[in-house]
Amino acid sequence: MFDIFFGWRKASKCKKLIKRVQCRLKLLKNKRFTIVKQLREDLAQLIKLGYQQTAFNRVGTMINIFSLKL
C-alpha cells in the first residue's frame, strides 16, 4: 500500500532482469538469422551443383526455423 508513496524497492532488480532478457533475445535472434543465412547459401550451392532433391529436403529445415517464434 505504501509502495505508491515510497517507490517500488524491487524496480532496479526488475530493470536488470529485463535488460538481461532483452540481451538474450537479441542473441537468439542473431543466431537464428545466421543459421538461416547459411542455409540459404547452402541451398543455392546445392541447386547450382544439381542436387535439387537434397535442396528440397533442406527447405523443410529452413521452414521449421522460420516458424519458430521468439
PDB file of N, CA and C in Angstrom:
ATOM      1  N   MET A   1       0.809  -1.185   0.000  1.00  0.00           N
ATOM      2  CA  MET A   1       0.000   0.000   0.000  1.00  0.00           C
ATOM      3  C   MET A   1       0.863   1.264   0.000  1.00  0.00           C
ATOM      4  N   PHE A   2       1.920   1.256   0.784  1.00  0.00           N
ATOM      5  CA  PHE A   2       2.789   2.430   0.859  1.00  0.00           C
ATOM      6  C   PHE A   2       3.816   2.464  -0.264  1.00  0.00           C
ATOM      7  N   ASP A   3       3.800   1.445  -1.112  1.00  0.00           N
ATOM      8  CA  ASP A   3       4.730   1.428  -2.239  1.00  0.00           C
ATOM      9  C   ASP A   3       4.507   2.619  -3.168  1.00  0.00           C
ATOM     10  N   ILE A   4       3.294   3.089  -3.232  1.00  0.00           N
ATOM     11  CA  ILE A   4       2.983   4.233  -4.095  1.00  0.00           C
ATOM     12  C   ILE A   4       3.749   5.467  -3.621  1.00  0.00           C
ATOM     13  N   PHE A   5       3.855   5.663  -2.318  1.00  0.00           N
ATOM     14  CA  PHE A   5       4.499   6.854  -1.771  1.00  0.00           C
ATOM     15  C   PHE A   5       6.023   6.746  -1.719  1.00  0.00           C
ATOM     16  N   PHE A   6       6.521   5.542  -1.463  1.00  0.00           N
ATOM     17  CA  PHE A   6       7.958   5.384  -1.257  1.00  0.00           C
ATOM     18  C   PHE A   6       8.687   4.749  -2.439  1.00  0.00           C
ATOM     19  N   GLY A   7       7.997   4.428  -3.492  1.00  0.00           N
ATOM     20  CA  GLY A   7       8.624   3.802  -4.652  1.00  0.00           C
ATOM     21  C   GLY A   7       8.708   2.294  -4.494  1.00  0.00           C
ATOM     22  N   TRP A   8       8.889   1.644  -5.585  1.00  0.00           N
ATOM     23  CA  TRP A   8       8.950   0.189  -5.580  1.00  0.00           C
ATOM     24  C   TRP A   8      10.386  -0.234  -5.367  1.00  0.00           C
ATOM     25  N   ARG A   9      10.673  -0.952  -4.312  1.00  0.00           N
ATOM     26  CA  ARG A   9      12.045  -1.291  -3.945  1.00  0.00           C
ATOM     27  C   ARG A   9      12.688  -2.293  -4.906  1.00  0.00           C
ATOM     28  N   LYS A  10      11.887  -3.083  -5.585  1.00  0.00           N
ATOM     29  CA  LYS A  10      12.437  -4.114  -6.459  1.00  0.00           C
ATOM     30  C   LYS A  10      12.548  -3.643  -7.906  1.00  0.00           C
ATOM     31  N   ALA A  11      12.352  -2.375  -8.152  1.00  0.00           N
ATOM     32  CA  ALA A  11      12.377  -1.855  -9.519  1.00  0.00           C
ATOM     33  C   ALA A  11      13.741  -2.050 -10.165  1.00  0.00           C
ATOM     34  N   SER A  12      14.822  -1.851  -9.422  1.00  0.00           N
ATOM     35  CA  SER A  12      16.154  -1.982 -10.018  1.00  0.00           C
ATOM     36  C   SER A  12      16.425  -3.435 -10.410  1.00  0.00           C
ATOM     37  N   LYS A  13      15.965  -4.380  -9.610  1.00  0.00           N
ATOM     38  CA  LYS A  13      16.142  -5.792  -9.960  1.00  0.00           C
ATOM     39  C   LYS A  13      15.348  -6.126 -11.209  1.00  0.00           C
ATOM     40  N   CYS A  14      14.149  -5.580 -11.290  1.00  0.00           N
ATOM     41  CA  CYS A  14      13.297  -5.832 -12.442  1.00  0.00           C
ATOM     42  C   CYS A  14      13.935  -5.257 -13.716  1.00  0.00           C
ATOM     43  N   LYS A  15      14.489  -4.055 -13.620  1.00  0.00           N
ATOM     44  CA  LYS A  15      15.131  -3.429 -14.772  1.00  0.00           C
ATOM     45  C   LYS A  15      16.324  -4.250 -15.242  1.00  0.00           C
ATOM     46  N   LYS A  16      17.111  -4.745 -14.298  1.00  0.00           N
ATOM     47  CA  LYS A  16      18.269  -5.569 -14.658  1.00  0.00           C
ATOM     48  C   LYS A  16      17.825  -6.851 -15.342  1.00  0.00           C
ATOM     49  N   LEU A  17      16.778  -7.452 -14.819  1.00  0.00           N
ATOM     50  CA  LEU A  17      16.268  -8.684 -15.402  1.00  0.00           C
ATOM     51  C   LEU A  17      15.734  -8.452 -16.816  1.00  0.00           C
ATOM     52  N   ILE A  18      15.031  -7.357 -17.005  1.00  0.00           N
ATOM     53  CA  ILE A  18      14.502  -7.026 -18.330  1.00  0.00           C
ATOM     54  C   ILE A  18      15.644  -6.820 -19.316  1.00  0.00           C
ATOM     55  N   LYS A  19      16.701  -6.139 -18.892  1.00  0.00           N
ATOM     56  CA  LYS A  19      17.849  -5.917 -19.786  1.00  0.00           C
ATOM     57  C   LYS A  19      18.526  -7.232 -20.149  1.00  0.00           C
ATOM     58  N   ARG A  20      18.641  -8.148 -19.171  1.00  0.00           N
ATOM     59  CA  ARG A  20      19.241  -9.448 -19.459  1.00  0.00           C
ATOM     60  C   ARG A  20      18.390 -10.251 -20.443  1.00  0.00           C
ATOM     61  N   VAL A  21      17.078 -10.196 -20.263  1.00  0.00           N
ATOM     62  CA  VAL A  21      16.182 -10.917 -21.165  1.00  0.00           C
ATOM     63  C   VAL A  21      16.267 -10.333 -22.564  1.00  0.00           C
ATOM     64  N   GLN A  22      16.303  -9.012 -22.671  1.00  0.00           N
ATOM     65  CA  GLN A  22      16.428  -8.375 -23.983  1.00  0.00           C
ATOM     66  C   GLN A  22      17.724  -8.779 -24.667  1.00  0.00           C
ATOM     67  N   CYS A  23      18.807  -8.828 -23.907  1.00  0.00           N
ATOM     68  CA  CYS A  23      20.103  -9.227 -24.452  1.00  0.00           C
ATOM     69  C   CYS A  23      20.050 -10.665 -24.957  1.00  0.00           C
ATOM     70  N   ARG A  24      19.452 -11.537 -24.161  1.00  0.00           N
ATOM     71  CA  ARG A  24      19.347 -12.952 -24.538  1.00  0.00           C
ATOM     72  C   ARG A  24      18.507 -13.126 -25.795  1.00  0.00           C
ATOM     73  N   LEU A  25      17.389 -12.409 -25.880  1.00  0.00           N
ATOM     74  CA  LEU A  25      16.536 -12.489 -27.067  1.00  0.00           C
ATOM     75  C   LEU A  25      17.260 -11.977 -28.311  1.00  0.00           C
ATOM     76  N   LYS A  26      18.044 -10.931 -28.148  1.00  0.00           N
ATOM     77  CA  LYS A  26      18.811 -10.401 -29.273  1.00  0.00           C
ATOM     78  C   LYS A  26      19.837 -11.430 -29.756  1.00  0.00           C
ATOM     79  N   LEU A  27      20.490 -12.100 -28.798  1.00  0.00           N
ATOM     80  CA  LEU A  27      21.449 -13.142 -29.153  1.00  0.00           C
ATOM     81  C   LEU A  27      20.781 -14.280 -29.914  1.00  0.00           C
ATOM     82  N   LEU A  28      19.634 -14.731 -29.432  1.00  0.00           N
ATOM     83  CA  LEU A  28      18.920 -15.828 -30.090  1.00  0.00           C
ATOM     84  C   LEU A  28      18.451 -15.430 -31.486  1.00  0.00           C
ATOM     85  N   LYS A  29      18.008 -14.189 -31.627  1.00  0.00           N
ATOM     86  CA  LYS A  29      17.559 -13.706 -32.932  1.00  0.00           C
ATOM     87  C   LYS A  29      18.725 -13.674 -33.924  1.00  0.00           C
ATOM     88  N   ASN A  30      19.881 -13.172 -33.467  1.00  0.00           N
ATOM     89  CA  ASN A  30      21.061 -13.126 -34.333  1.00  0.00           C
ATOM     90  C   ASN A  30      21.517 -14.526 -34.721  1.00  0.00           C
ATOM     91  N   LYS A  31      21.440 -15.459 -33.782  1.00  0.00           N
ATOM     92  CA  LYS A  31      21.836 -16.840 -34.067  1.00  0.00           C
ATOM     93  C   LYS A  31      20.928 -17.440 -35.125  1.00  0.00           C
ATOM     94  N   ARG A  32      19.614 -17.230 -34.976  1.00  0.00           N
ATOM     95  CA  ARG A  32      18.662 -17.766 -35.950  1.00  0.00           C
ATOM     96  C   ARG A  32      18.890 -17.137 -37.317  1.00  0.00           C
ATOM     97  N   PHE A  33      19.135 -15.828 -37.363  1.00  0.00           N
ATOM     98  CA  PHE A  33      19.380 -15.145 -38.625  1.00  0.00           C
ATOM     99  C   PHE A  33      20.621 -15.713 -39.317  1.00  0.00           C
ATOM    100  N   THR A  34      21.670 -15.974 -38.555  1.00  0.00           N
ATOM    101  CA  THR A  34      22.903 -16.526 -39.112  1.00  0.00           C
ATOM    102  C   THR A  34      22.678 -17.932 -39.671  1.00  0.00           C
ATOM    103  N   ILE A  35      21.925 -18.745 -38.955  1.00  0.00           N
ATOM    104  CA  ILE A  35      21.639 -20.104 -39.423  1.00  0.00           C
ATOM    105  C   ILE A  35      20.851 -20.061 -40.721  1.00  0.00           C
ATOM    106  N   VAL A  36      19.849 -19.200 -40.787  1.00  0.00           N
ATOM    107  CA  VAL A  36      19.025 -19.096 -41.998  1.00  0.00           C
ATOM    108  C   VAL A  36      19.860 -18.595 -43.170  1.00  0.00           C
ATOM    109  N   LYS A  37      20.734 -17.638 -42.915  1.00  0.00           N
ATOM    110  CA  LYS A  37      21.596 -17.109 -43.980  1.00  0.00           C
ATOM    111  C   LYS A  37      22.505 -18.217 -44.539  1.00  0.00           C
ATOM    112  N   GLN A  38      23.073 -19.015 -43.645  1.00  0.00           N
ATOM    113  CA  GLN A  38      23.935 -20.112 -44.076  1.00  0.00           C
ATOM    114  C   GLN A  38      23.142 -21.160 -44.849  1.00  0.00           C
ATOM    115  N   LEU A  39      21.918 -21.466 -44.404  1.00  0.00           N
ATOM    116  CA  LEU A  39      21.078 -22.429 -45.116  1.00  0.00           C
ATOM    117  C   LEU A  39      20.748 -21.945 -46.524  1.00  0.00           C
ATOM    118  N   ARG A  40      20.469 -20.657 -46.661  1.00  0.00           N
ATOM    119  CA  ARG A  40      20.179 -20.110 -47.991  1.00  0.00           C
ATOM    120  C   ARG A  40      21.373 -20.271 -48.921  1.00  0.00           C
ATOM    121  N   GLU A  41      22.559 -19.970 -48.404  1.00  0.00           N
ATOM    122  CA  GLU A  41      23.765 -20.110 -49.221  1.00  0.00           C
ATOM    123  C   GLU A  41      23.988 -21.575 -49.608  1.00  0.00           C
ATOM    124  N   ASP A  42      23.750 -22.484 -48.668  1.00  0.00           N
ATOM    125  CA  ASP A  42      23.892 -23.916 -48.956  1.00  0.00           C
ATOM    126  C   ASP A  42      22.891 -24.363 -50.021  1.00  0.00           C
ATOM    127  N   LEU A  43      21.653 -23.877 -49.918  1.00  0.00           N
ATOM    128  CA  LEU A  43      20.632 -24.239 -50.908  1.00  0.00           C
ATOM    129  C   LEU A  43      21.015 -23.759 -52.301  1.00  0.00           C
ATOM    130  N   ALA A  44      21.514 -22.535 -52.382  1.00  0.00           N
ATOM    131  CA  ALA A  44      21.929 -22.002 -53.680  1.00  0.00           C
ATOM    132  C   ALA A  44      23.062 -22.843 -54.266  1.00  0.00           C
ATOM    133  N   GLN A  45      23.997 -23.238 -53.428  1.00  0.00           N
ATOM    134  CA  GLN A  45      25.118 -24.058 -53.892  1.00  0.00           C
ATOM    135  C   GLN A  45      24.641 -25.436 -54.352  1.00  0.00           C
ATOM    136  N   LEU A  46      23.729 -26.041 -53.593  1.00  0.00           N
ATOM    137  CA  LEU A  46      23.208 -27.358 -53.969  1.00  0.00           C
ATOM    138  C   LEU A  46      22.464 -27.307 -55.299  1.00  0.00           C
ATOM    139  N   ILE A  47      21.680 -26.254 -55.506  1.00  0.00           N
ATOM    140  CA  ILE A  47      20.944 -26.134 -56.768  1.00  0.00           C
ATOM    141  C   ILE A  47      21.910 -25.941 -57.931  1.00  0.00           C
ATOM    142  N   LYS A  48      22.965 -25.147 -57.724  1.00  0.00           N
ATOM    143  CA  LYS A  48      23.969 -24.941 -58.774  1.00  0.00           C
ATOM    144  C   LYS A  48      24.650 -26.246 -59.164  1.00  0.00           C
ATOM    145  N   LEU A  49      24.895 -27.100 -58.162  1.00  0.00           N
ATOM    146  CA  LEU A  49      25.593 -28.354 -58.414  1.00  0.00           C
ATOM    147  C   LEU A  49      24.667 -29.469 -58.911  1.00  0.00           C
ATOM    148  N   GLY A  50      23.361 -29.198 -58.923  1.00  0.00           N
ATOM    149  CA  GLY A  50      22.419 -30.174 -59.463  1.00  0.00           C
ATOM    150  C   GLY A  50      21.826 -31.120 -58.438  1.00  0.00           C
ATOM    151  N   TYR A  51      21.935 -30.825 -57.186  1.00  0.00           N
ATOM    152  CA  TYR A  51      21.361 -31.666 -56.134  1.00  0.00           C
ATOM    153  C   TYR A  51      20.011 -31.095 -55.691  1.00  0.00           C
ATOM    154  N   GLN A  52      19.037 -31.090 -56.611  1.00  0.00           N
ATOM    155  CA  GLN A  52      17.740 -30.489 -56.325  1.00  0.00           C
ATOM    156  C   GLN A  52      16.988 -31.222 -55.207  1.00  0.00           C
ATOM    157  N   GLN A  53      17.060 -32.543 -55.168  1.00  0.00           N
ATOM    158  CA  GLN A  53      16.337 -33.303 -54.147  1.00  0.00           C
ATOM    159  C   GLN A  53      16.871 -32.993 -52.742  1.00  0.00           C
ATOM    160  N   THR A  54      18.175 -32.928 -52.611  1.00  0.00           N
ATOM    161  CA  THR A  54      18.768 -32.583 -51.321  1.00  0.00           C
ATOM    162  C   THR A  54      18.379 -31.163 -50.921  1.00  0.00           C
ATOM    163  N   ALA A  55      18.385 -30.253 -51.890  1.00  0.00           N
ATOM    164  CA  ALA A  55      17.989 -28.870 -51.615  1.00  0.00           C
ATOM    165  C   ALA A  55      16.531 -28.809 -51.169  1.00  0.00           C
ATOM    166  N   PHE A  56      15.681 -29.596 -51.806  1.00  0.00           N
ATOM    167  CA  PHE A  56      14.266 -29.632 -51.437  1.00  0.00           C
ATOM    168  C   PHE A  56      14.085 -30.117 -50.002  1.00  0.00           C
ATOM    169  N   ASN A  57      14.866 -31.121 -49.610  1.00  0.00           N
ATOM    170  CA  ASN A  57      14.780 -31.631 -48.242  1.00  0.00           C
ATOM    171  C   ASN A  57      15.226 -30.579 -47.219  1.00  0.00           C
ATOM    172  N   ARG A  58      16.222 -29.804 -47.569  1.00  0.00           N
ATOM    173  CA  ARG A  58      16.730 -28.779 -46.645  1.00  0.00           C
ATOM    174  C   ARG A  58      15.778 -27.589 -46.522  1.00  0.00           C
ATOM    175  N   VAL A  59      14.931 -27.390 -47.538  1.00  0.00           N
ATOM    176  CA  VAL A  59      13.949 -26.311 -47.460  1.00  0.00           C
ATOM    177  C   VAL A  59      13.013 -26.561 -46.284  1.00  0.00           C
ATOM    178  N   GLY A  60      12.682 -27.811 -46.028  1.00  0.00           N
ATOM    179  CA  GLY A  60      11.846 -28.144 -44.878  1.00  0.00           C
ATOM    180  C   GLY A  60      12.484 -27.704 -43.577  1.00  0.00           C
ATOM    181  N   THR A  61      13.786 -27.898 -43.469  1.00  0.00           N
ATOM    182  CA  THR A  61      14.512 -27.455 -42.282  1.00  0.00           C
ATOM    183  C   THR A  61      14.439 -25.938 -42.145  1.00  0.00           C
ATOM    184  N   MET A  62      14.604 -25.248 -43.254  1.00  0.00           N
ATOM    185  CA  MET A  62      14.583 -23.795 -43.220  1.00  0.00           C
ATOM    186  C   MET A  62      13.196 -23.280 -42.835  1.00  0.00           C
ATOM    187  N   ILE A  63      12.161 -23.922 -43.308  1.00  0.00           N
ATOM    188  CA  ILE A  63      10.788 -23.511 -42.962  1.00  0.00           C
ATOM    189  C   ILE A  63      10.554 -23.699 -41.467  1.00  0.00           C
ATOM    190  N   ASN A  64      11.065 -24.799 -40.901  1.00  0.00           N
ATOM    191  CA  ASN A  64      10.902 -25.025 -39.471  1.00  0.00           C
ATOM    192  C   ASN A  64      11.601 -23.935 -38.646  1.00  0.00           C
ATOM    193  N   ILE A  65      12.751 -23.497 -39.089  1.00  0.00           N
ATOM    194  CA  ILE A  65      13.480 -22.448 -38.371  1.00  0.00           C
ATOM    195  C   ILE A  65      12.723 -21.123 -38.468  1.00  0.00           C
ATOM    196  N   PHE A  66      12.156 -20.832 -39.648  1.00  0.00           N
ATOM    197  CA  PHE A  66      11.389 -19.609 -39.804  1.00  0.00           C
ATOM    198  C   PHE A  66      10.146 -19.611 -38.927  1.00  0.00           C
ATOM    199  N   SER A  67       9.564 -20.780 -38.739  1.00  0.00           N
ATOM    200  CA  SER A  67       8.298 -20.839 -37.996  1.00  0.00           C
ATOM    201  C   SER A  67       8.500 -20.673 -36.481  1.00  0.00           C
ATOM    202  N   LEU A  68       9.742 -20.792 -35.995  1.00  0.00           N
ATOM    203  CA  LEU A  68       9.994 -20.594 -34.571  1.00  0.00           C
ATOM    204  C   LEU A  68       9.768 -19.142 -34.208  1.00  0.00           C
ATOM    205  N   LYS A  69       9.070 -18.926 -33.150  1.00  0.00           N
ATOM    206  CA  LYS A  69       8.801 -17.564 -32.689  1.00  0.00           C
ATOM    207  C   LYS A  69       9.614 -17.269 -31.446  1.00  0.00           C
ATOM    208  N   LEU A  70      10.164 -16.060 -31.413  1.00  0.00           N
ATOM    209  CA  LEU A  70      10.912 -15.635 -30.220  1.00  0.00           C
ATOM    210  C   LEU A  70      10.077 -14.719 -29.398  1.00  0.00           C
TER     211      LEU A  70
END
